[in-house]
């Protein structure tokens, strides 16, 4: 089966299932894991700006997309010519189902079960010592955060962090004044590439707040990536 993946975490998951670059024939420019294998796979644009013509030339048996990551109009265009699986992953339960379904598709049910057990273990082992209100920022100019209906919010909750903006939805803009209510402020490494200089800038406006950089992949990448972030999440939770 020749598959094109339109999402980085899906690409990584396919390779974790043991597929080769002869089977994963297309990926986005943001698909970076595993680095030694993705370099051999044709790039078909970005998650939001797919090269439809190139995808048609590759003529895949299956395209795997994601409702959150890909543009509906482009996915619908691909559906006219190809079988497209649009994944919807908003919770860890959704993620478990995705891995199970992929295992069934690839005739690797036992491997899927093993992956899901490892992910369950990750979140059984990590909890903060006491709940803290967290503002998780994903963008700058304007500052943007995550609401209750996001995968990131679910991951925060599994760690017993309380999302300061849990009463909002999607990715709302927030002000510096609103951030004063947070116990912790997380600056994510993606999609905006926050760095130390951004901590310093925000710290000048919020001198009494603890502001830290966090690995965005650990909070937003679904699929098998979650079984690899246990040590990082445990380290993070132990700090607080």
C-alpha atoms as a PDB file:
ATOM      1  CA  UNK A   1       0.000   0.000   0.000  1.00  0.00           C
ATOM      2  CA  UNK A   2       1.312   3.423  -0.994  1.00  0.00           C
ATOM      3  CA  UNK A   3       0.407   6.112   1.533  1.00  0.00           C
ATOM      4  CA  UNK A   4       0.759   9.878   1.616  1.00  0.00           C
ATOM      5  CA  UNK A   5       0.724  11.499   5.053  1.00  0.00           C
ATOM      6  CA  UNK A   6      -0.418  15.089   5.408  1.00  0.00           C
ATOM      7  CA  UNK A   7       0.548  15.461   9.080  1.00  0.00           C
ATOM      8  CA  UNK A   8       3.966  15.194  10.808  1.00  0.00           C
ATOM      9  CA  UNK A   9       2.776  13.051  13.706  1.00  0.00           C
ATOM     10  CA  UNK A  10       1.017  10.676  11.308  1.00  0.00           C
ATOM     11  CA  UNK A  11       4.192  10.311   9.254  1.00  0.00           C
ATOM     12  CA  UNK A  12       6.173   9.440  12.373  1.00  0.00           C
ATOM     13  CA  UNK A  13       3.516   6.931  13.415  1.00  0.00           C
ATOM     14  CA  UNK A  14       3.568   5.189  10.031  1.00  0.00           C
ATOM     15  CA  UNK A  15       7.315   4.706  10.248  1.00  0.00           C
ATOM     16  CA  UNK A  16       7.018   3.497  13.848  1.00  0.00           C
ATOM     17  CA  UNK A  17       4.701   0.804  12.497  1.00  0.00           C
ATOM     18  CA  UNK A  18       7.591  -0.333  10.337  1.00  0.00           C
ATOM     19  CA  UNK A  19       6.620   1.117   6.983  1.00  0.00           C
ATOM     20  CA  UNK A  20       9.386   2.021   4.551  1.00  0.00           C
ATOM     21  CA  UNK A  21       9.987   4.970   2.256  1.00  0.00           C
ATOM     22  CA  UNK A  22       8.636   2.779  -0.551  1.00  0.00           C
ATOM     23  CA  UNK A  23       5.287   2.654   1.269  1.00  0.00           C
ATOM     24  CA  UNK A  24       5.160   6.202   2.686  1.00  0.00           C
ATOM     25  CA  UNK A  25       5.554   7.958  -0.651  1.00  0.00           C
ATOM     26  CA  UNK A  26       4.637  11.534   0.312  1.00  0.00           C
ATOM     27  CA  UNK A  27       4.885  13.811   3.352  1.00  0.00           C
ATOM     28  CA  UNK A  28       4.776  17.491   4.270  1.00  0.00           C
ATOM     29  CA  UNK A  29       7.809  19.704   4.724  1.00  0.00           C
ATOM     30  CA  UNK A  30       7.064  19.698   8.448  1.00  0.00           C
ATOM     31  CA  UNK A  31       7.390  15.916   8.742  1.00  0.00           C
ATOM     32  CA  UNK A  32      10.770  15.686  10.475  1.00  0.00           C
ATOM     33  CA  UNK A  33      10.613  12.391  12.394  1.00  0.00           C
ATOM     34  CA  UNK A  34      12.261   9.948  11.946  1.00  0.00           C
ATOM     35  CA  UNK A  35      14.902  12.112  10.285  1.00  0.00           C
ATOM     36  CA  UNK A  36      16.800   9.256   8.657  1.00  0.00           C
ATOM     37  CA  UNK A  37      13.703   7.964   6.868  1.00  0.00           C
ATOM     38  CA  UNK A  38      11.675  11.069   5.985  1.00  0.00           C
ATOM     39  CA  UNK A  39      14.538  12.490   3.940  1.00  0.00           C
ATOM     40  CA  UNK A  40      13.844   9.815   1.324  1.00  0.00           C
ATOM     41  CA  UNK A  41      10.149  10.703   1.028  1.00  0.00           C
ATOM     42  CA  UNK A  42       8.772  13.158  -1.526  1.00  0.00           C
ATOM     43  CA  UNK A  43       7.636  16.505  -0.057  1.00  0.00           C
ATOM     44  CA  UNK A  44       4.110  17.479  -1.130  1.00  0.00           C
ATOM     45  CA  UNK A  45       3.917  20.961   0.409  1.00  0.00           C
ATOM     46  CA  UNK A  46       2.891  22.110   3.876  1.00  0.00           C
ATOM     47  CA  UNK A  47       0.000  20.936   6.018  1.00  0.00           C
ATOM     48  CA  UNK A  48      -2.064  23.982   5.028  1.00  0.00           C
ATOM     49  CA  UNK A  49      -0.816  24.414   1.440  1.00  0.00           C
ATOM     50  CA  UNK A  50      -0.622  21.024  -0.234  1.00  0.00           C
ATOM     51  CA  UNK A  51       0.707  20.583  -3.747  1.00  0.00           C
ATOM     52  CA  UNK A  52      -2.329  18.830  -5.194  1.00  0.00           C
ATOM     53  CA  UNK A  53      -0.717  18.278  -8.601  1.00  0.00           C
ATOM     54  CA  UNK A  54       2.291  16.533  -7.077  1.00  0.00           C
ATOM     55  CA  UNK A  55       0.020  14.325  -4.973  1.00  0.00           C
ATOM     56  CA  UNK A  56      -1.899  13.317  -8.090  1.00  0.00           C
ATOM     57  CA  UNK A  57       1.329  12.369  -9.862  1.00  0.00           C
ATOM     58  CA  UNK A  58       2.358  10.177  -6.920  1.00  0.00           C
ATOM     59  CA  UNK A  59      -1.025   8.388  -7.215  1.00  0.00           C
ATOM     60  CA  UNK A  60      -1.289   7.010  -3.644  1.00  0.00           C
ATOM     61  CA  UNK A  61      -3.564   4.189  -2.537  1.00  0.00           C
ATOM     62  CA  UNK A  62      -4.410   6.142   0.619  1.00  0.00           C
ATOM     63  CA  UNK A  63      -3.995   9.670   1.941  1.00  0.00           C
ATOM     64  CA  UNK A  64      -4.149  10.225   5.702  1.00  0.00           C
ATOM     65  CA  UNK A  65      -5.179  13.712   6.789  1.00  0.00           C
ATOM     66  CA  UNK A  66      -6.331  15.381   9.984  1.00  0.00           C
ATOM     67  CA  UNK A  67      -9.339  17.637  10.524  1.00  0.00           C
ATOM     68  CA  UNK A  68      -7.338  20.056  12.683  1.00  0.00           C
ATOM     69  CA  UNK A  69      -4.137  20.209  10.668  1.00  0.00           C
ATOM     70  CA  UNK A  70      -5.300  20.270   7.054  1.00  0.00           C
ATOM     71  CA  UNK A  71      -7.489  22.636   5.052  1.00  0.00           C
ATOM     72  CA  UNK A  72     -10.972  21.254   4.376  1.00  0.00           C
ATOM     73  CA  UNK A  73     -11.141  22.566   0.807  1.00  0.00           C
ATOM     74  CA  UNK A  74      -7.886  20.849  -0.140  1.00  0.00           C
ATOM     75  CA  UNK A  75      -8.859  17.583   1.502  1.00  0.00           C
ATOM     76  CA  UNK A  76     -12.188  17.620  -0.340  1.00  0.00           C
ATOM     77  CA  UNK A  77     -10.334  18.198  -3.591  1.00  0.00           C
ATOM     78  CA  UNK A  78      -8.205  15.108  -2.962  1.00  0.00           C
ATOM     79  CA  UNK A  79     -11.286  13.072  -2.091  1.00  0.00           C
ATOM     80  CA  UNK A  80     -12.478  13.423  -5.692  1.00  0.00           C
ATOM     81  CA  UNK A  81      -9.626  11.194  -6.892  1.00  0.00           C
ATOM     82  CA  UNK A  82      -8.299   9.290  -3.876  1.00  0.00           C
ATOM     83  CA  UNK A  83      -9.247   7.424  -0.760  1.00  0.00           C
ATOM     84  CA  UNK A  84      -8.696   9.896   2.089  1.00  0.00           C
ATOM     85  CA  UNK A  85      -8.821   9.039   5.784  1.00  0.00           C
ATOM     86  CA  UNK A  86      -9.527  12.219   7.746  1.00  0.00           C
ATOM     87  CA  UNK A  87      -8.524  11.591  11.341  1.00  0.00           C
ATOM     88  CA  UNK A  88     -10.186  13.501  14.174  1.00  0.00           C
ATOM     89  CA  UNK A  89      -8.044  13.394  17.301  1.00  0.00           C
ATOM     90  CA  UNK A  90      -9.149  15.651  20.136  1.00  0.00           C
ATOM     91  CA  UNK A  91      -8.513  13.383  23.136  1.00  0.00           C
ATOM     92  CA  UNK A  92      -6.187  10.628  24.241  1.00  0.00           C
ATOM     93  CA  UNK A  93      -9.047   8.196  23.666  1.00  0.00           C
ATOM     94  CA  UNK A  94      -9.267   9.402  20.063  1.00  0.00           C
ATOM     95  CA  UNK A  95      -5.538   8.840  19.763  1.00  0.00           C
ATOM     96  CA  UNK A  96      -5.870   5.301  21.077  1.00  0.00           C
ATOM     97  CA  UNK A  97      -8.589   4.602  18.518  1.00  0.00           C
ATOM     98  CA  UNK A  98      -6.450   6.064  15.723  1.00  0.00           C
ATOM     99  CA  UNK A  99      -3.515   3.811  16.571  1.00  0.00           C
ATOM    100  CA  UNK A 100      -5.792   0.776  16.826  1.00  0.00           C
ATOM    101  CA  UNK A 101      -7.448   1.523  13.483  1.00  0.00           C
ATOM    102  CA  UNK A 102      -4.078   2.048  11.826  1.00  0.00           C
ATOM    103  CA  UNK A 103      -2.874  -1.243  13.289  1.00  0.00           C
ATOM    104  CA  UNK A 104      -5.899  -2.994  11.792  1.00  0.00           C
ATOM    105  CA  UNK A 105      -5.298  -1.364   8.420  1.00  0.00           C
ATOM    106  CA  UNK A 106      -1.656  -2.447   8.377  1.00  0.00           C
ATOM    107  CA  UNK A 107      -2.340  -5.906   9.864  1.00  0.00           C
ATOM    108  CA  UNK A 108      -0.217  -4.972  12.868  1.00  0.00           C
ATOM    109  CA  UNK A 109      -2.787  -5.149  15.643  1.00  0.00           C
ATOM    110  CA  UNK A 110      -0.325  -6.455  18.257  1.00  0.00           C
ATOM    111  CA  UNK A 111       2.058  -3.581  17.613  1.00  0.00           C
ATOM    112  CA  UNK A 112      -0.794  -1.088  17.929  1.00  0.00           C
ATOM    113  CA  UNK A 113      -1.767  -2.610  21.267  1.00  0.00           C
ATOM    114  CA  UNK A 114       1.829  -2.312  22.474  1.00  0.00           C
ATOM    115  CA  UNK A 115       1.995   1.356  21.422  1.00  0.00           C
ATOM    116  CA  UNK A 116      -1.255   2.152  23.229  1.00  0.00           C
ATOM    117  CA  UNK A 117      -0.097   0.415  26.394  1.00  0.00           C
ATOM    118  CA  UNK A 118       3.124   2.448  26.367  1.00  0.00           C
ATOM    119  CA  UNK A 119       1.206   5.709  25.962  1.00  0.00           C
ATOM    120  CA  UNK A 120      -1.125   4.783  28.807  1.00  0.00           C
ATOM    121  CA  UNK A 121       1.922   4.117  30.995  1.00  0.00           C
ATOM    122  CA  UNK A 122       3.345   7.540  30.180  1.00  0.00           C
ATOM    123  CA  UNK A 123       0.320   9.322  31.591  1.00  0.00           C
ATOM    124  CA  UNK A 124      -0.056   6.995  34.538  1.00  0.00           C
ATOM    125  CA  UNK A 125       3.439   7.978  35.648  1.00  0.00           C
ATOM    126  CA  UNK A 126       3.280  11.776  35.382  1.00  0.00           C
ATOM    127  CA  UNK A 127       1.336  14.118  37.644  1.00  0.00           C
ATOM    128  CA  UNK A 128       2.245  17.486  39.120  1.00  0.00           C
ATOM    129  CA  UNK A 129       2.518  17.632  42.903  1.00  0.00           C
ATOM    130  CA  UNK A 130      -0.365  20.083  43.146  1.00  0.00           C
ATOM    131  CA  UNK A 131      -2.625  21.596  40.444  1.00  0.00           C
ATOM    132  CA  UNK A 132      -1.437  24.903  39.036  1.00  0.00           C
ATOM    133  CA  UNK A 133      -3.094  27.287  36.604  1.00  0.00           C
ATOM    134  CA  UNK A 134      -1.141  27.302  33.352  1.00  0.00           C
ATOM    135  CA  UNK A 135      -1.311  29.683  30.417  1.00  0.00           C
ATOM    136  CA  UNK A 136      -0.004  27.787  27.385  1.00  0.00           C
ATOM    137  CA  UNK A 137       0.998  30.211  24.631  1.00  0.00           C
ATOM    138  CA  UNK A 138       1.280  29.055  21.026  1.00  0.00           C
ATOM    139  CA  UNK A 139       1.668  32.387  19.227  1.00  0.00           C
ATOM    140  CA  UNK A 140       3.017  35.903  19.568  1.00  0.00           C
ATOM    141  CA  UNK A 141       1.781  39.214  18.128  1.00  0.00           C
ATOM    142  CA  UNK A 142      -0.881  38.624  19.218  1.00  0.00           C
ATOM    143  CA  UNK A 143      -0.417  36.207  22.063  1.00  0.00           C
ATOM    144  CA  UNK A 144      -2.622  33.181  21.506  1.00  0.00           C
ATOM    145  CA  UNK A 145      -3.414  30.279  23.792  1.00  0.00           C
ATOM    146  CA  UNK A 146      -5.440  27.043  23.768  1.00  0.00           C
ATOM    147  CA  UNK A 147      -9.046  26.525  24.770  1.00  0.00           C
ATOM    148  CA  UNK A 148     -10.883  23.550  26.200  1.00  0.00           C
ATOM    149  CA  UNK A 149     -11.580  21.846  22.866  1.00  0.00           C
ATOM    150  CA  UNK A 150      -7.940  21.280  21.930  1.00  0.00           C
ATOM    151  CA  UNK A 151      -5.639  18.291  22.188  1.00  0.00           C
ATOM    152  CA  UNK A 152      -3.103  20.394  24.094  1.00  0.00           C
ATOM    153  CA  UNK A 153      -5.709  21.160  26.747  1.00  0.00           C
ATOM    154  CA  UNK A 154      -6.309  17.427  27.193  1.00  0.00           C
ATOM    155  CA  UNK A 155      -2.595  16.773  27.676  1.00  0.00           C
ATOM    156  CA  UNK A 156      -2.332  19.573  30.228  1.00  0.00           C
ATOM    157  CA  UNK A 157      -5.258  18.050  32.107  1.00  0.00           C
ATOM    158  CA  UNK A 158      -3.686  14.594  32.131  1.00  0.00           C
ATOM    159  CA  UNK A 159      -0.692  16.118  33.900  1.00  0.00           C
ATOM    160  CA  UNK A 160      -3.027  17.823  36.400  1.00  0.00           C
ATOM    161  CA  UNK A 161      -2.225  21.282  35.097  1.00  0.00           C
ATOM    162  CA  UNK A 162      -5.294  23.523  34.967  1.00  0.00           C
ATOM    163  CA  UNK A 163      -5.621  25.470  31.749  1.00  0.00           C
ATOM    164  CA  UNK A 164      -6.197  29.093  32.731  1.00  0.00           C
ATOM    165  CA  UNK A 165      -8.298  29.541  29.599  1.00  0.00           C
ATOM    166  CA  UNK A 166     -10.326  26.337  29.844  1.00  0.00           C
ATOM    167  CA  UNK A 167     -13.538  28.349  29.590  1.00  0.00           C
ATOM    168  CA  UNK A 168     -12.674  29.415  26.056  1.00  0.00           C
ATOM    169  CA  UNK A 169     -12.523  27.440  22.822  1.00  0.00           C
ATOM    170  CA  UNK A 170     -10.080  26.915  19.990  1.00  0.00           C
ATOM    171  CA  UNK A 171      -7.100  29.297  19.986  1.00  0.00           C
ATOM    172  CA  UNK A 172      -8.128  32.626  21.496  1.00  0.00           C
ATOM    173  CA  UNK A 173      -6.073  35.792  21.662  1.00  0.00           C
ATOM    174  CA  UNK A 174      -5.109  36.830  25.191  1.00  0.00           C
ATOM    175  CA  UNK A 175      -3.634  39.938  26.745  1.00  0.00           C
ATOM    176  CA  UNK A 176      -0.642  40.266  29.023  1.00  0.00           C
ATOM    177  CA  UNK A 177      -3.040  41.500  31.697  1.00  0.00           C
ATOM    178  CA  UNK A 178      -4.938  38.190  31.546  1.00  0.00           C
ATOM    179  CA  UNK A 179      -1.713  36.238  31.965  1.00  0.00           C
ATOM    180  CA  UNK A 180      -1.318  37.709  35.437  1.00  0.00           C
ATOM    181  CA  UNK A 181      -3.842  35.125  36.662  1.00  0.00           C
ATOM    182  CA  UNK A 182      -1.543  32.206  35.755  1.00  0.00           C
ATOM    183  CA  UNK A 183       0.696  30.351  38.197  1.00  0.00           C
ATOM    184  CA  UNK A 184       2.881  29.259  35.284  1.00  0.00           C
ATOM    185  CA  UNK A 185       3.249  30.472  31.720  1.00  0.00           C
ATOM    186  CA  UNK A 186       4.359  27.927  29.132  1.00  0.00           C
ATOM    187  CA  UNK A 187       5.828  29.209  25.855  1.00  0.00           C
ATOM    188  CA  UNK A 188       5.583  26.430  23.290  1.00  0.00           C
ATOM    189  CA  UNK A 189       8.332  25.663  20.780  1.00  0.00           C
ATOM    190  CA  UNK A 190       5.658  25.434  18.060  1.00  0.00           C
ATOM    191  CA  UNK A 191       3.878  26.629  16.015  1.00  0.00           C
ATOM    192  CA  UNK A 192       5.518  29.922  17.006  1.00  0.00           C
ATOM    193  CA  UNK A 193       9.184  29.211  17.778  1.00  0.00           C
ATOM    194  CA  UNK A 194       9.378  30.815  21.220  1.00  0.00           C
ATOM    195  CA  UNK A 195      12.915  31.259  22.532  1.00  0.00           C
ATOM    196  CA  UNK A 196      14.675  32.616  25.603  1.00  0.00           C
ATOM    197  CA  UNK A 197      14.471  36.167  24.252  1.00  0.00           C
ATOM    198  CA  UNK A 198      10.693  35.903  24.290  1.00  0.00           C
ATOM    199  CA  UNK A 199      10.760  34.798  27.917  1.00  0.00           C
ATOM    200  CA  UNK A 200      12.916  37.802  28.738  1.00  0.00           C
ATOM    201  CA  UNK A 201      10.545  40.133  26.917  1.00  0.00           C
ATOM    202  CA  UNK A 202       7.444  38.812  28.661  1.00  0.00           C
ATOM    203  CA  UNK A 203       9.238  38.645  32.005  1.00  0.00           C
ATOM    204  CA  UNK A 204       9.772  42.384  31.893  1.00  0.00           C
ATOM    205  CA  UNK A 205       6.001  42.834  31.817  1.00  0.00           C
ATOM    206  CA  UNK A 206       5.337  40.035  34.311  1.00  0.00           C
ATOM    207  CA  UNK A 207       8.346  40.114  36.658  1.00  0.00           C
ATOM    208  CA  UNK A 208       6.772  37.880  39.296  1.00  0.00           C
ATOM    209  CA  UNK A 209       5.639  35.089  36.993  1.00  0.00           C
ATOM    210  CA  UNK A 210       7.456  31.844  36.222  1.00  0.00           C
ATOM    211  CA  UNK A 211       7.771  31.559  32.459  1.00  0.00           C
ATOM    212  CA  UNK A 212       9.337  28.529  30.798  1.00  0.00           C
ATOM    213  CA  UNK A 213       9.877  27.144  27.320  1.00  0.00           C
ATOM    214  CA  UNK A 214       8.171  23.808  26.689  1.00  0.00           C
ATOM    215  CA  UNK A 215       8.492  21.223  23.934  1.00  0.00           C
ATOM    216  CA  UNK A 216       5.454  21.779  21.739  1.00  0.00           C
ATOM    217  CA  UNK A 217       5.733  18.314  20.226  1.00  0.00           C
ATOM    218  CA  UNK A 218       5.189  16.732  23.658  1.00  0.00           C
ATOM    219  CA  UNK A 219       1.859  18.523  24.015  1.00  0.00           C
ATOM    220  CA  UNK A 220       0.502  18.631  20.473  1.00  0.00           C
ATOM    221  CA  UNK A 221       1.828  15.653  18.520  1.00  0.00           C
ATOM    222  CA  UNK A 222      -0.567  12.731  18.603  1.00  0.00           C
ATOM    223  CA  UNK A 223       0.082   9.173  17.402  1.00  0.00           C
ATOM    224  CA  UNK A 224       3.060   7.187  18.618  1.00  0.00           C
ATOM    225  CA  UNK A 225       5.036  10.305  19.506  1.00  0.00           C
ATOM    226  CA  UNK A 226       3.295  10.316  22.874  1.00  0.00           C
ATOM    227  CA  UNK A 227       5.014   7.108  23.945  1.00  0.00           C
ATOM    228  CA  UNK A 228       8.387   8.848  23.574  1.00  0.00           C
ATOM    229  CA  UNK A 229       7.776  11.891  25.774  1.00  0.00           C
ATOM    230  CA  UNK A 230       7.441  10.171  29.162  1.00  0.00           C
ATOM    231  CA  UNK A 231      10.830  11.256  30.498  1.00  0.00           C
ATOM    232  CA  UNK A 232      10.277  14.838  29.402  1.00  0.00           C
ATOM    233  CA  UNK A 233       6.786  15.089  30.880  1.00  0.00           C
ATOM    234  CA  UNK A 234       7.925  13.422  34.084  1.00  0.00           C
ATOM    235  CA  UNK A 235      10.782  15.912  34.391  1.00  0.00           C
ATOM    236  CA  UNK A 236       8.393  18.795  33.755  1.00  0.00           C
ATOM    237  CA  UNK A 237       5.832  17.573  36.255  1.00  0.00           C
ATOM    238  CA  UNK A 238       8.460  17.007  38.945  1.00  0.00           C
ATOM    239  CA  UNK A 239       9.459  20.652  38.722  1.00  0.00           C
ATOM    240  CA  UNK A 240       5.985  21.737  39.813  1.00  0.00           C
END
